[in-house]
Structures are given as C-alpha cells and as structure tokens.
C-alpha atoms as a PDB file:
ATOM      1  CA  MET A   1     -18.315 -18.194   3.201  1.00  0.00           C
ATOM      2  CA  LYS A   2     -15.552 -15.474   3.045  1.00  0.00           C
ATOM      3  CA  THR A   3     -16.230 -12.581   5.953  1.00  0.00           C
ATOM      4  CA  LEU A   4     -15.227  -9.571   4.265  1.00  0.00           C
ATOM      5  CA  ILE A   5     -13.001  -6.871   6.272  1.00  0.00           C
ATOM      6  CA  GLU A   6     -13.854  -3.502   5.171  1.00  0.00           C
ATOM      7  CA  ALA A   7     -13.278   0.127   7.034  1.00  0.00           C
ATOM      8  CA  VAL A   8     -16.192   1.224   9.033  1.00  0.00           C
ATOM      9  CA  GLN A   9     -17.389   4.115  11.391  1.00  0.00           C
ATOM     10  CA  VAL A  10     -15.806   3.716  14.238  1.00  0.00           C
ATOM     11  CA  GLU A  11     -17.846   4.385  16.990  1.00  0.00           C
ATOM     12  CA  ARG A  12     -15.812   2.952  20.161  1.00  0.00           C
ATOM     13  CA  ARG A  13     -18.135   1.471  23.752  1.00  0.00           C
ATOM     14  CA  GLU A  14     -18.803   3.682  27.106  1.00  0.00           C
ATOM     15  CA  ASP A  15     -15.098   2.098  28.238  1.00  0.00           C
ATOM     16  CA  GLY A  16     -13.132   2.851  25.056  1.00  0.00           C
ATOM     17  CA  SER A  17     -12.683   0.187  23.829  1.00  0.00           C
ATOM     18  CA  TYR A  18     -13.793  -1.171  20.089  1.00  0.00           C
ATOM     19  CA  PHE A  19     -14.391  -4.134  17.899  1.00  0.00           C
ATOM     20  CA  HIS A  20     -14.843  -3.654  14.530  1.00  0.00           C
ATOM     21  CA  PRO A  21     -18.873  -5.816  13.353  1.00  0.00           C
ATOM     22  CA  ALA A  22     -16.851  -8.486  11.140  1.00  0.00           C
ATOM     23  CA  LEU A  23     -15.197  -9.745  14.341  1.00  0.00           C
ATOM     24  CA  VAL A  24     -18.631 -11.523  15.342  1.00  0.00           C
ATOM     25  CA  ASN A  25     -17.711 -13.952  12.360  1.00  0.00           C
ATOM     26  CA  SER A  26     -14.046 -14.842  13.803  1.00  0.00           C
ATOM     27  CA  PRO A  27     -13.131 -18.413  15.770  1.00  0.00           C
ATOM     28  CA  ASP A  28     -14.386 -18.965  18.705  1.00  0.00           C
ATOM     29  CA  ASP A  29     -10.253 -20.350  19.323  1.00  0.00           C
ATOM     30  CA  ASP A  30      -8.737 -17.878  21.525  1.00  0.00           C
ATOM     31  CA  SER A  31      -5.679 -18.882  20.139  1.00  0.00           C
ATOM     32  CA  ALA A  32      -3.562 -16.531  18.250  1.00  0.00           C
ATOM     33  CA  VAL A  33      -2.982 -18.834  15.560  1.00  0.00           C
ATOM     34  CA  ALA A  34      -6.672 -19.448  14.186  1.00  0.00           C
ATOM     35  CA  PHE A  35      -7.572 -15.609  14.617  1.00  0.00           C
ATOM     36  CA  SER A  36      -4.320 -14.856  12.208  1.00  0.00           C
ATOM     37  CA  GLY A  37      -5.280 -17.845  10.316  1.00  0.00           C
ATOM     38  CA  TRP A  38      -8.896 -16.265  10.165  1.00  0.00           C
ATOM     39  CA  LEU A  39      -7.793 -12.654   8.810  1.00  0.00           C
ATOM     40  CA  ALA A  40      -5.395 -14.321   6.316  1.00  0.00           C
ATOM     41  CA  GLU A  41      -8.366 -16.407   4.740  1.00  0.00           C
ATOM     42  CA  CYS A  42     -10.409 -12.418   4.820  1.00  0.00           C
ATOM     43  CA  GLY A  43      -7.796 -10.902   2.768  1.00  0.00           C
ATOM     44  CA  VAL A  44      -6.519  -8.800   5.202  1.00  0.00           C
ATOM     45  CA  GLU A  45      -3.374  -8.091   6.825  1.00  0.00           C
ATOM     46  CA  VAL A  46      -2.693  -7.171  10.634  1.00  0.00           C
ATOM     47  CA  THR A  47      -0.389  -5.282  12.584  1.00  0.00           C
ATOM     48  CA  ARG A  48      -0.480  -4.202  16.750  1.00  0.00           C
ATOM     49  CA  VAL A  49      -0.321  -1.050  18.396  1.00  0.00           C
ATOM     50  CA  TRP A  50       0.500  -1.031  21.921  1.00  0.00           C
ATOM     51  CA  MET A  51      -0.709   2.266  24.069  1.00  0.00           C
ATOM     52  CA  GLU A  52       2.669   1.428  26.224  1.00  0.00           C
ATOM     53  CA  ILE A  53       4.294   2.341  23.467  1.00  0.00           C
ATOM     54  CA  ASP A  54       1.913   4.628  21.350  1.00  0.00           C
ATOM     55  CA  ALA A  55       0.919   6.803  24.075  1.00  0.00           C
ATOM     56  CA  ALA A  56       3.001   5.924  27.074  1.00  0.00           C
ATOM     57  CA  LEU A  57       1.771   8.575  29.478  1.00  0.00           C
ATOM     58  CA  LEU A  58      -2.266   7.607  28.546  1.00  0.00           C
ATOM     59  CA  CYS A  59      -0.627   3.921  29.624  1.00  0.00           C
ATOM     60  CA  GLY A  60       0.905   5.006  32.995  1.00  0.00           C
ATOM     61  CA  ARG A  61      -2.434   6.858  34.206  1.00  0.00           C
ATOM     62  CA  TYR A  62      -4.493   3.848  32.719  1.00  0.00           C
ATOM     63  CA  MET A  63      -1.975   1.087  34.429  1.00  0.00           C
ATOM     64  CA  ASP A  64      -3.342   3.663  37.633  1.00  0.00           C
ATOM     65  CA  ASP A  65      -6.720   2.560  37.019  1.00  0.00           C
ATOM     66  CA  ASP A  66      -7.858   5.590  35.173  1.00  0.00           C
ATOM     67  CA  THR A  67     -10.113   4.504  32.434  1.00  0.00           C
ATOM     68  CA  ASP A  68     -10.323   7.364  31.189  1.00  0.00           C
ATOM     69  CA  ALA A  69      -7.336   6.889  29.289  1.00  0.00           C
ATOM     70  CA  LEU A  70      -8.273   4.410  26.860  1.00  0.00           C
ATOM     71  CA  LYS A  71     -11.117   6.388  26.177  1.00  0.00           C
ATOM     72  CA  GLU A  72      -9.252   8.934  25.506  1.00  0.00           C
ATOM     73  CA  TRP A  73      -6.132   6.913  23.528  1.00  0.00           C
ATOM     74  CA  GLN A  74      -6.213   7.731  19.835  1.00  0.00           C
ATOM     75  CA  PRO A  75      -3.786   5.144  18.725  1.00  0.00           C
ATOM     76  CA  THR A  76      -1.033   6.183  15.519  1.00  0.00           C
ATOM     77  CA  THR A  77      -2.394   4.836  12.669  1.00  0.00           C
ATOM     78  CA  PRO A  78       0.311   2.599  11.075  1.00  0.00           C
ATOM     79  CA  ALA A  79       2.848   3.902   8.417  1.00  0.00           C
ATOM     80  CA  GLY A  80       1.685   3.009   5.213  1.00  0.00           C
ATOM     81  CA  ALA A  81      -1.649   3.365   2.779  1.00  0.00           C
ATOM     82  CA  ASP A  82      -5.049   1.214   3.612  1.00  0.00           C
ATOM     83  CA  TRP A  83      -4.769   0.857   7.013  1.00  0.00           C
ATOM     84  CA  PHE A  84      -7.899   1.013   8.959  1.00  0.00           C
ATOM     85  CA  LEU A  85      -8.696   0.128  12.867  1.00  0.00           C
ATOM     86  CA  LEU A  86     -10.259  -3.328  13.657  1.00  0.00           C
ATOM     87  CA  ALA A  87     -10.285  -3.249  17.611  1.00  0.00           C
ATOM     88  CA  ILE A  88      -9.313  -1.032  21.191  1.00  0.00           C
ATOM     89  CA  PHE A  89      -9.058  -3.455  23.703  1.00  0.00           C
ATOM     90  CA  ASP A  90      -6.767  -4.240  27.305  1.00  0.00           C
ATOM     91  CA  THR A  91      -5.243  -7.653  26.989  1.00  0.00           C
ATOM     92  CA  GLU A  92      -5.137  -8.122  30.516  1.00  0.00           C
ATOM     93  CA  ASP A  93      -1.519  -9.324  30.688  1.00  0.00           C
ATOM     94  CA  ASP A  94       0.086  -6.814  28.484  1.00  0.00           C
ATOM     95  CA  GLY A  95      -2.199  -3.738  28.463  1.00  0.00           C
ATOM     96  CA  PRO A  96      -3.947  -2.088  25.751  1.00  0.00           C
ATOM     97  CA  VAL A  97      -3.624  -3.011  22.286  1.00  0.00           C
ATOM     98  CA  ALA A  98      -4.905  -1.543  19.151  1.00  0.00           C
ATOM     99  CA  TYR A  99      -5.272  -3.573  15.875  1.00  0.00           C
ATOM    100  CA  PHE A 100      -5.449  -1.908  12.130  1.00  0.00           C
ATOM    101  CA  VAL A 101      -5.641  -4.704   9.156  1.00  0.00           C
ATOM    102  CA  ARG A 102      -5.651  -3.511   5.353  1.00  0.00           C
ATOM    103  CA  PRO A 103      -6.077  -5.678   2.432  1.00  0.00           C
ATOM    104  CA  ALA A 104      -3.440  -8.100   1.984  1.00  0.00           C
ATOM    105  CA  PRO A 105      -1.348  -7.549  -1.462  1.00  0.00           C
ATOM    106  CA  ALA A 106      -2.295  -9.973  -3.631  1.00  0.00           C
ATOM    107  CA  ALA A 107      -0.261 -12.870  -4.411  1.00  0.00           C
ATOM    108  CA  THR A 108       2.182 -13.869  -7.259  1.00  0.00           C
END
C-alpha cells in the first residue's frame, strides 16, 4: 500500500528536530537510493535545505555545541508552490538539514 504524505502541523521535538509522521513507513534500509525510491513511490519530490547555507550564523553556533541553534532554525521553504516540511535533523557528518517535499508532477 502506497504511503500518503501530506502537509501536517509541524511539532518539533525538544531538541529542535522534526520527523513527519509518514516517515514511520519509510524503508528500514538507510541508503539514499532506497529512501529516494520510497519518496517517489509516495508521489512526492524532495529537496534539502542545509543549515550551513540557509542560516550560517545559527549553524556556527550549532557546530560550537549550542544545541538551541537547531531549535531556533526556521528553514527557508524552497521557491515554488506546495512545499512542506518532511524532516529536520542533524546528519552527524554534514550538519543539520531540512527535507521539504511536494506532490510530484504527474507523468505525461
């Protein structure tokens, strides 16, 4: 059964991270290929917003162990219509990132 991913009220965790409720149905496989494939099956396209680019000062604070910086970050919604937040988290290797999704254009 295809997972439906729709915009919901964002309720961030105490540490500032956020995970859309539909992510409980994502593949157990941690690979980017499996995750991207699952998102495509769900009918959404995805883009990422990196804290380092979107909010450099907050990112600097975060990298200096100021954990409040992630709580304060309000990622910039990508240009275009219908984007909504899928997740905010620290990648550990590349720093904090926000994933936005929107309905994929219909295939022609």
